[in-house]
PDB file of all heavy atoms in Angstrom:
ATOM      1  N   ASN A   1     147.255  -0.573-153.456  1.00  0.00           N
ATOM      2  CA  ASN A   1     146.433  -0.121-152.333  1.00  0.00           C
ATOM      3  C   ASN A   1     145.153   0.560-152.782  1.00  0.00           C
ATOM      4  O   ASN A   1     144.457   1.193-151.980  1.00  0.00           O
ATOM      5  CB  ASN A   1     147.236   0.836-151.445  1.00  0.00           C
ATOM      6  CG  ASN A   1     148.270   0.118-150.596  1.00  0.00           C
ATOM      7  OD1 ASN A   1     148.049  -0.160-149.430  1.00  0.00           O
ATOM      8  ND2 ASN A   1     149.415  -0.185-151.192  1.00  0.00           N
ATOM      9  N   SER A   2     144.811   0.413-154.042  1.00  0.00           N
ATOM     10  CA  SER A   2     143.591   1.014-154.561  1.00  0.00           C
ATOM     11  C   SER A   2     142.354   0.304-154.027  1.00  0.00           C
ATOM     12  O   SER A   2     142.365  -0.905-153.801  1.00  0.00           O
ATOM     13  CB  SER A   2     143.595   0.952-156.093  1.00  0.00           C
ATOM     14  OG  SER A   2     142.352   1.376-156.620  1.00  0.00           O
ATOM     15  N   ASP A   3     141.298   1.075-153.841  1.00  0.00           N
ATOM     16  CA  ASP A   3     140.019   0.471-153.454  1.00  0.00           C
ATOM     17  C   ASP A   3     139.330  -0.201-154.640  1.00  0.00           C
ATOM     18  O   ASP A   3     138.392  -0.973-154.453  1.00  0.00           O
ATOM     19  CB  ASP A   3     139.094   1.534-152.861  1.00  0.00           C
ATOM     20  CG  ASP A   3     139.517   1.942-151.454  1.00  0.00           C
ATOM     21  OD1 ASP A   3     139.964   1.062-150.693  1.00  0.00           O
ATOM     22  OD2 ASP A   3     139.415   3.139-151.133  1.00  0.00           O
ATOM     23  N   VAL A   4     139.784   0.111-155.841  1.00  0.00           N
ATOM     24  CA  VAL A   4     139.241  -0.522-157.048  1.00  0.00           C
ATOM     25  C   VAL A   4     140.428  -1.100-157.819  1.00  0.00           C
ATOM     26  O   VAL A   4     141.050  -0.439-158.636  1.00  0.00           O
ATOM     27  CB  VAL A   4     138.467   0.486-157.922  1.00  0.00           C
ATOM     28  CG1 VAL A   4     137.860  -0.229-159.124  1.00  0.00           C
ATOM     29  CG2 VAL A   4     137.382   1.185-157.116  1.00  0.00           C
ATOM     30  N   LEU A   5     140.734  -2.355-157.538  1.00  0.00           N
ATOM     31  CA  LEU A   5     141.912  -2.999-158.118  1.00  0.00           C
ATOM     32  C   LEU A   5     141.481  -3.928-159.238  1.00  0.00           C
ATOM     33  O   LEU A   5     140.797  -4.922-159.010  1.00  0.00           O
ATOM     34  CB  LEU A   5     142.658  -3.776-157.034  1.00  0.00           C
ATOM     35  CG  LEU A   5     144.071  -4.256-157.356  1.00  0.00           C
ATOM     36  CD1 LEU A   5     144.992  -3.080-157.664  1.00  0.00           C
ATOM     37  CD2 LEU A   5     144.623  -5.068-156.186  1.00  0.00           C
ATOM     38  N   CYS A   6     141.884  -3.588-160.460  1.00  0.00           N
ATOM     39  CA  CYS A   6     141.497  -4.358-161.636  1.00  0.00           C
ATOM     40  C   CYS A   6     142.509  -5.485-161.869  1.00  0.00           C
ATOM     41  O   CYS A   6     143.704  -5.209-162.044  1.00  0.00           O
ATOM     42  CB  CYS A   6     141.428  -3.449-162.857  1.00  0.00           C
ATOM     43  SG  CYS A   6     141.182  -4.313-164.411  1.00  0.00           S
ATOM     44  N   PRO A   7     142.078  -6.749-161.892  1.00  0.00           N
ATOM     45  CA  PRO A   7     143.011  -7.859-162.101  1.00  0.00           C
ATOM     46  C   PRO A   7     143.826  -7.737-163.382  1.00  0.00           C
ATOM     47  O   PRO A   7     145.010  -8.089-163.396  1.00  0.00           O
ATOM     48  CB  PRO A   7     142.097  -9.083-162.135  1.00  0.00           C
ATOM     49  CG  PRO A   7     140.926  -8.697-161.282  1.00  0.00           C
ATOM     50  CD  PRO A   7     140.713  -7.235-161.566  1.00  0.00           C
ATOM     51  N   ASP A   8     143.224  -7.224-164.447  1.00  0.00           N
ATOM     52  CA  ASP A   8     143.964  -7.077-165.704  1.00  0.00           C
ATOM     53  C   ASP A   8     145.081  -6.051-165.568  1.00  0.00           C
ATOM     54  O   ASP A   8     146.178  -6.222-166.136  1.00  0.00           O
ATOM     55  CB  ASP A   8     143.023  -6.670-166.837  1.00  0.00           C
ATOM     56  CG  ASP A   8     142.104  -7.810-167.273  1.00  0.00           C
ATOM     57  OD1 ASP A   8     142.407  -8.974-166.937  1.00  0.00           O
ATOM     58  OD2 ASP A   8     141.094  -7.531-167.937  1.00  0.00           O
ATOM     59  N   GLU A   9     144.821  -4.981-164.821  1.00  0.00           N
ATOM     60  CA  GLU A   9     145.859  -3.973-164.614  1.00  0.00           C
ATOM     61  C   GLU A   9     146.986  -4.524-163.742  1.00  0.00           C
ATOM     62  O   GLU A   9     148.164  -4.231-163.981  1.00  0.00           O
ATOM     63  CB  GLU A   9     145.247  -2.725-163.979  1.00  0.00           C
ATOM     64  CG  GLU A   9     144.314  -1.960-164.921  1.00  0.00           C
ATOM     65  CD  GLU A   9     143.706  -0.738-164.263  1.00  0.00           C
ATOM     66  OE1 GLU A   9     143.852  -0.597-163.022  1.00  0.00           O
ATOM     67  OE2 GLU A   9     143.085   0.071-164.969  1.00  0.00           O
ATOM     68  N   VAL A  10     146.629  -5.316-162.735  1.00  0.00           N
ATOM     69  CA  VAL A  10     147.654  -5.935-161.898  1.00  0.00           C
ATOM     70  C   VAL A  10     148.510  -6.881-162.739  1.00  0.00           C
ATOM     71  O   VAL A  10     149.740  -6.915-162.610  1.00  0.00           O
ATOM     72  CB  VAL A  10     147.020  -6.681-160.714  1.00  0.00           C
ATOM     73  CG1 VAL A  10     148.097  -7.412-159.897  1.00  0.00           C
ATOM     74  CG2 VAL A  10     146.256  -5.704-159.821  1.00  0.00           C
ATOM     75  N   ALA A  11     147.871  -7.641-163.625  1.00  0.00           N
ATOM     76  CA  ALA A  11     148.621  -8.540-164.504  1.00  0.00           C
ATOM     77  C   ALA A  11     149.570  -7.750-165.400  1.00  0.00           C
ATOM     78  O   ALA A  11     150.711  -8.171-165.649  1.00  0.00           O
ATOM     79  CB  ALA A  11     147.656  -9.366-165.349  1.00  0.00           C
ATOM     80  N   SER A  12     149.121  -6.592-165.882  1.00  0.00           N
ATOM     81  CA  SER A  12     149.975  -5.748-166.712  1.00  0.00           C
ATOM     82  C   SER A  12     151.184  -5.256-165.923  1.00  0.00           C
ATOM     83  O   SER A  12     152.321  -5.258-166.426  1.00  0.00           O
ATOM     84  CB  SER A  12     149.171  -4.551-167.234  1.00  0.00           C
ATOM     85  OG  SER A  12     149.998  -3.656-167.965  1.00  0.00           O
ATOM     86  N   ALA A  13     150.963  -4.836-164.672  1.00  0.00           N
ATOM     87  CA  ALA A  13     152.077  -4.405-163.825  1.00  0.00           C
ATOM     88  C   ALA A  13     153.056  -5.544-163.588  1.00  0.00           C
ATOM     89  O   ALA A  13     154.275  -5.346-163.587  1.00  0.00           O
ATOM     90  CB  ALA A  13     151.542  -3.876-162.496  1.00  0.00           C
ATOM     91  N   CYS A  14     152.522  -6.756-163.432  1.00  0.00           N
ATOM     92  CA  CYS A  14     153.393  -7.918-163.207  1.00  0.00           C
ATOM     93  C   CYS A  14     154.217  -8.245-164.447  1.00  0.00           C
ATOM     94  O   CYS A  14     155.377  -8.656-164.347  1.00  0.00           O
ATOM     95  CB  CYS A  14     152.556  -9.121-162.774  1.00  0.00           C
ATOM     96  SG  CYS A  14     151.900  -8.969-161.094  1.00  0.00           S
ATOM     97  N   ARG A  15     153.631  -8.047-165.614  1.00  0.00           N
ATOM     98  CA  ARG A  15     154.396  -8.255-166.854  1.00  0.00           C
ATOM     99  C   ARG A  15     155.526  -7.240-166.950  1.00  0.00           C
ATOM    100  O   ARG A  15     156.636  -7.571-167.390  1.00  0.00           O
ATOM    101  CB  ARG A  15     153.474  -8.166-168.073  1.00  0.00           C
ATOM    102  CG  ARG A  15     152.592  -9.395-168.267  1.00  0.00           C
ATOM    103  CD  ARG A  15     151.919  -9.397-169.624  1.00  0.00           C
ATOM    104  NE  ARG A  15     150.897  -8.372-169.735  1.00  0.00           N
ATOM    105  CZ  ARG A  15     149.626  -8.518-169.383  1.00  0.00           C
ATOM    106  NH1 ARG A  15     149.218  -9.689-168.869  1.00  0.00           N
ATOM    107  NH2 ARG A  15     148.759  -7.544-169.511  1.00  0.00           N
ATOM    108  N   ARG A  16     155.274  -5.998-166.548  1.00  0.00           N
ATOM    109  CA  ARG A  16     156.317  -4.976-166.566  1.00  0.00           C
ATOM    110  C   ARG A  16     157.404  -5.320-165.558  1.00  0.00           C
ATOM    111  O   ARG A  16     158.610  -5.162-165.845  1.00  0.00           O
ATOM    112  CB  ARG A  16     155.717  -3.595-166.267  1.00  0.00           C
ATOM    113  CG  ARG A  16     156.738  -2.486-166.120  1.00  0.00           C
ATOM    114  CD  ARG A  16     157.518  -2.212-167.420  1.00  0.00           C
ATOM    115  NE  ARG A  16     158.614  -1.285-167.178  1.00  0.00           N
ATOM    116  CZ  ARG A  16     158.492   0.052-167.202  1.00  0.00           C
ATOM    117  NH1 ARG A  16     157.301   0.607-167.445  1.00  0.00           N
ATOM    118  NH2 ARG A  16     159.528   0.820-166.990  1.00  0.00           N
ATOM    119  N   LEU A  17     157.024  -5.800-164.380  1.00  0.00           N
ATOM    120  CA  LEU A  17     158.016  -6.230-163.406  1.00  0.00           C
ATOM    121  C   LEU A  17     158.904  -7.331-163.979  1.00  0.00           C
ATOM    122  O   LEU A  17     160.126  -7.295-163.839  1.00  0.00           O
ATOM    123  CB  LEU A  17     157.321  -6.728-162.134  1.00  0.00           C
ATOM    124  CG  LEU A  17     156.831  -5.654-161.155  1.00  0.00           C
ATOM    125  CD1 LEU A  17     155.737  -6.213-160.259  1.00  0.00           C
ATOM    126  CD2 LEU A  17     157.994  -5.129-160.323  1.00  0.00           C
ATOM    127  N   LYS A  18     158.289  -8.295-164.632  1.00  0.00           N
ATOM    128  CA  LYS A  18     159.056  -9.389-165.228  1.00  0.00           C
ATOM    129  C   LYS A  18     160.004  -8.866-166.300  1.00  0.00           C
ATOM    130  O   LYS A  18     161.164  -9.304-166.387  1.00  0.00           O
ATOM    131  CB  LYS A  18     158.106 -10.428-165.812  1.00  0.00           C
ATOM    132  CG  LYS A  18     158.818 -11.677-166.336  1.00  0.00           C
ATOM    133  CD  LYS A  18     157.814 -12.723-166.786  1.00  0.00           C
ATOM    134  CE  LYS A  18     158.528 -13.997-167.257  1.00  0.00           C
ATOM    135  NZ  LYS A  18     157.550 -15.047-167.669  1.00  0.00           N
ATOM    136  N   ALA A  19     159.529  -7.920-167.102  1.00  0.00           N
ATOM    137  CA  ALA A  19     160.380  -7.333-168.137  1.00  0.00           C
ATOM    138  C   ALA A  19     161.557  -6.579-167.521  1.00  0.00           C
ATOM    139  O   ALA A  19     162.622  -6.466-168.143  1.00  0.00           O
ATOM    140  CB  ALA A  19     159.557  -6.388-169.013  1.00  0.00           C
ATOM    141  N   ASP A  20     161.373  -6.085-166.294  1.00  0.00           N
ATOM    142  CA  ASP A  20     162.445  -5.385-165.586  1.00  0.00           C
ATOM    143  C   ASP A  20     163.331  -6.336-164.795  1.00  0.00           C
ATOM    144  O   ASP A  20     164.133  -5.889-163.958  1.00  0.00           O
ATOM    145  CB  ASP A  20     161.853  -4.317-164.658  1.00  0.00           C
ATOM    146  CG  ASP A  20     161.371  -3.088-165.424  1.00  0.00           C
ATOM    147  OD1 ASP A  20     161.790  -2.905-166.586  1.00  0.00           O
ATOM    148  OD2 ASP A  20     160.580  -2.306-164.867  1.00  0.00           O
ATOM    149  N   GLY A  21     163.187  -7.621-165.034  1.00  0.00           N
ATOM    150  CA  GLY A  21     164.082  -8.598-164.422  1.00  0.00           C
ATOM    151  C   GLY A  21     163.679  -9.078-163.052  1.00  0.00           C
ATOM    152  O   GLY A  21     164.471  -9.727-162.355  1.00  0.00           O
ATOM    153  N   VAL A  22     162.446  -8.783-162.635  1.00  0.00           N
ATOM    154  CA  VAL A  22     161.970  -9.185-161.313  1.00  0.00           C
ATOM    155  C   VAL A  22     161.253 -10.529-161.425  1.00  0.00           C
ATOM    156  O   VAL A  22     160.408 -10.725-162.301  1.00  0.00           O
ATOM    157  CB  VAL A  22     161.019  -8.121-160.720  1.00  0.00           C
ATOM    158  CG1 VAL A  22     160.527  -8.554-159.340  1.00  0.00           C
ATOM    159  CG2 VAL A  22     161.720  -6.762-160.642  1.00  0.00           C
ATOM    160  N   GLY A  23     161.598 -11.449-160.528  1.00  0.00           N
ATOM    161  CA  GLY A  23     160.981 -12.762-160.558  1.00  0.00           C
ATOM    162  C   GLY A  23     159.918 -12.978-159.509  1.00  0.00           C
ATOM    163  O   GLY A  23     159.133 -13.922-159.587  1.00  0.00           O
ATOM    164  N   GLY A  24     159.877 -12.104-158.500  1.00  0.00           N
ATOM    165  CA  GLY A  24     158.892 -12.246-157.439  1.00  0.00           C
ATOM    166  C   GLY A  24     158.856 -11.014-156.567  1.00  0.00           C
ATOM    167  O   GLY A  24     159.863 -10.324-156.390  1.00  0.00           O
ATOM    168  N   ILE A  25     157.667 -10.731-156.021  1.00  0.00           N
ATOM    169  CA  ILE A  25     157.492  -9.581-155.131  1.00  0.00           C
ATOM    170  C   ILE A  25     156.568  -9.966-153.988  1.00  0.00           C
ATOM    171  O   ILE A  25     155.846 -10.970-154.051  1.00  0.00           O
ATOM    172  CB  ILE A  25     156.886  -8.356-155.855  1.00  0.00           C
ATOM    173  CG1 ILE A  25     155.441  -8.658-156.294  1.00  0.00           C
ATOM    174  CG2 ILE A  25     157.743  -7.920-157.032  1.00  0.00           C
ATOM    175  CD1 ILE A  25     154.640  -7.426-156.692  1.00  0.00           C
ATOM    176  N   LEU A  26     156.586  -9.133-152.958  1.00  0.00           N
ATOM    177  CA  LEU A  26     155.528  -9.131-151.967  1.00  0.00           C
ATOM    178  C   LEU A  26     154.717  -7.862-152.178  1.00  0.00           C
ATOM    179  O   LEU A  26     155.253  -6.748-152.047  1.00  0.00           O
ATOM    180  CB  LEU A  26     156.090  -9.161-150.546  1.00  0.00           C
ATOM    181  CG  LEU A  26     156.916 -10.384-150.139  1.00  0.00           C
ATOM    182  CD1 LEU A  26     157.203 -10.357-148.646  1.00  0.00           C
ATOM    183  CD2 LEU A  26     156.245 -11.688-150.541  1.00  0.00           C
ATOM    184  N   ALA A  27     153.458  -8.019-152.569  1.00  0.00           N
ATOM    185  CA  ALA A  27     152.573  -6.865-152.687  1.00  0.00           C
ATOM    186  C   ALA A  27     152.367  -6.279-151.300  1.00  0.00           C
ATOM    187  O   ALA A  27     152.064  -7.008-150.352  1.00  0.00           O
ATOM    188  CB  ALA A  27     151.238  -7.288-153.293  1.00  0.00           C
TER     189      ALA A  27
END
């Protein structure tokens, strides 16, 4: 929900989600 959302940071969060066993989310 940030007004300044960096695509690289979002990709990093998605990699962490995947490492935590998550295969899909709804942002």
